């Protein structure tokens, strides 16, 4: 079973920046034609949608990241990015990508851990 692959997480201080990458095998879906989202799951909490980008390039963000995060994609690489800046302690979570707003259950990747700590 092919899965999505997320990368780019790490440990960063408050106010810092990170860029996450999500690569989708073309056998799963083509980001040019479907809406792809970044989700996050803080410790002990549910997984929530953070941002998404449609096939036509329209973007939408959750209020708690608006103005700080930017979602984009590179169609040639079948990759979706999440640029995160001005990170806060509350951004600590495992970040995942998947189709949005309804994720495909059996293609979740391992996610990438983002830890914001001073």
Protein backbone atom coordinates (compact mmCIF):
# COMPACT_ATOMS: atom_id res chain seq x y z
CA UNK A 1 0.00 0.00 0.00
CA UNK A 2 1.51 3.30 -1.05
CA UNK A 3 1.34 6.07 1.50
CA UNK A 4 1.87 9.78 1.62
CA UNK A 5 5.32 10.89 2.77
CA UNK A 6 5.73 13.92 5.00
CA UNK A 7 9.07 15.47 5.94
CA UNK A 8 10.67 18.65 7.20
CA UNK A 9 9.66 18.66 10.83
CA UNK A 10 12.00 19.35 13.70
CA UNK A 11 12.67 21.26 16.88
CA UNK A 12 12.38 25.02 16.66
CA UNK A 13 12.21 27.91 19.10
CA UNK A 14 9.11 30.10 19.39
CA UNK A 15 9.10 32.61 16.56
CA UNK A 16 11.06 30.27 14.32
CA UNK A 17 10.19 28.82 10.92
CA UNK A 18 9.96 25.45 9.23
CA UNK A 19 8.85 24.21 5.83
CA UNK A 20 7.13 20.85 5.59
CA UNK A 21 6.89 18.75 2.45
CA UNK A 22 4.31 16.17 1.43
CA UNK A 23 5.01 13.93 -1.53
CA UNK A 24 2.22 11.90 -3.06
CA UNK A 25 2.90 8.98 -5.39
CA UNK A 26 0.99 9.68 -8.59
CA UNK A 27 -0.79 6.38 -8.13
CA UNK A 28 -2.53 7.88 -5.10
CA UNK A 29 -3.70 11.20 -6.48
CA UNK A 30 -2.62 14.17 -8.51
CA UNK A 31 -2.46 17.39 -6.45
CA UNK A 32 -3.33 19.30 -9.59
CA UNK A 33 -6.78 17.80 -9.62
CA UNK A 34 -7.70 17.24 -5.98
CA UNK A 35 -7.75 19.37 -2.85
CA UNK A 36 -4.83 18.53 -0.58
CA UNK A 37 -4.60 19.56 3.03
CA UNK A 38 -2.17 19.66 5.90
CA UNK A 39 -3.49 18.31 9.18
CA UNK A 40 -1.97 18.28 12.62
CA UNK A 41 -2.46 16.26 15.77
CA UNK A 42 -1.16 17.71 19.04
CA UNK A 43 -0.36 15.27 21.83
CA UNK A 44 -3.55 13.78 23.26
CA UNK A 45 -5.80 15.71 20.90
CA UNK A 46 -7.68 15.05 17.69
CA UNK A 47 -6.31 15.58 14.20
CA UNK A 48 -7.45 18.88 12.68
CA UNK A 49 -7.20 20.41 9.23
CA UNK A 50 -4.74 23.29 9.19
CA UNK A 51 -4.74 24.42 5.56
CA UNK A 52 -5.70 23.17 2.14
CA UNK A 53 -5.04 23.96 -1.50
CA UNK A 54 -7.43 23.11 -4.31
CA UNK A 55 -6.53 21.79 -7.73
CA UNK A 56 -6.91 25.31 -9.10
CA UNK A 57 -4.61 26.75 -6.43
CA UNK A 58 -7.14 28.31 -4.07
CA UNK A 59 -5.93 28.16 -0.49
CA UNK A 60 -7.73 28.22 2.83
CA UNK A 61 -6.42 28.29 6.39
CA UNK A 62 -7.65 27.56 9.87
CA UNK A 63 -7.97 30.75 11.91
CA UNK A 64 -5.24 29.67 14.31
CA UNK A 65 -2.59 29.64 11.56
CA UNK A 66 -3.87 32.39 9.28
CA UNK A 67 -1.14 34.86 8.47
CA UNK A 68 1.61 32.56 9.74
CA UNK A 69 1.37 29.47 7.50
CA UNK A 70 1.40 29.25 3.71
CA UNK A 71 0.43 26.19 1.70
CA UNK A 72 1.73 25.73 -1.83
CA UNK A 73 2.48 22.98 -4.29
CA UNK A 74 4.98 21.96 -6.96
CA UNK A 75 3.03 20.04 -9.57
CA UNK A 76 6.14 18.73 -11.30
CA UNK A 77 7.28 17.10 -8.08
CA UNK A 78 3.78 16.10 -6.95
CA UNK A 79 4.62 17.79 -3.67
CA UNK A 80 2.65 20.07 -1.38
CA UNK A 81 4.46 22.36 1.06
CA UNK A 82 3.54 24.07 4.29
CA UNK A 83 5.68 27.07 5.14
CA UNK A 84 5.32 27.86 8.82
CA UNK A 85 6.60 31.04 10.39
CA UNK A 86 6.31 32.76 13.73
CA UNK A 87 5.78 29.34 15.29
CA UNK A 88 4.13 29.14 18.69
CA UNK A 89 4.23 26.56 21.47
CA UNK A 90 0.71 25.52 20.48
CA UNK A 91 1.91 24.53 17.02
CA UNK A 92 3.65 21.49 18.49
CA UNK A 93 2.08 18.46 16.82
CA UNK A 94 2.57 15.70 14.31
CA UNK A 95 1.76 17.12 10.89
CA UNK A 96 0.18 15.02 8.14
CA UNK A 97 -1.07 15.61 4.64
CA UNK A 98 -4.01 14.01 2.87
CA UNK A 99 -6.93 14.93 0.66
CA UNK A 100 -9.26 17.52 2.13
CA UNK A 101 -11.72 18.13 3.59
CA UNK A 102 -12.30 14.38 3.59
CA UNK A 103 -9.07 12.42 3.99
CA UNK A 104 -8.52 9.04 2.42
CA UNK A 105 -8.23 6.79 5.45
CA UNK A 106 -5.81 4.15 4.21
CA UNK A 107 -3.11 6.44 2.82
CA UNK A 108 -2.12 8.38 5.94
CA UNK A 109 1.66 8.61 6.19
CA UNK A 110 3.79 8.58 9.31
CA UNK A 111 3.59 12.33 9.64
CA UNK A 112 6.39 14.67 10.63
CA UNK A 113 6.92 15.91 14.16
CA UNK A 114 7.08 19.64 14.80
CA UNK A 115 8.17 20.65 18.27
CA UNK A 116 8.19 24.29 19.30
CA UNK A 117 10.09 24.79 22.51
CA UNK A 118 12.33 27.35 24.11
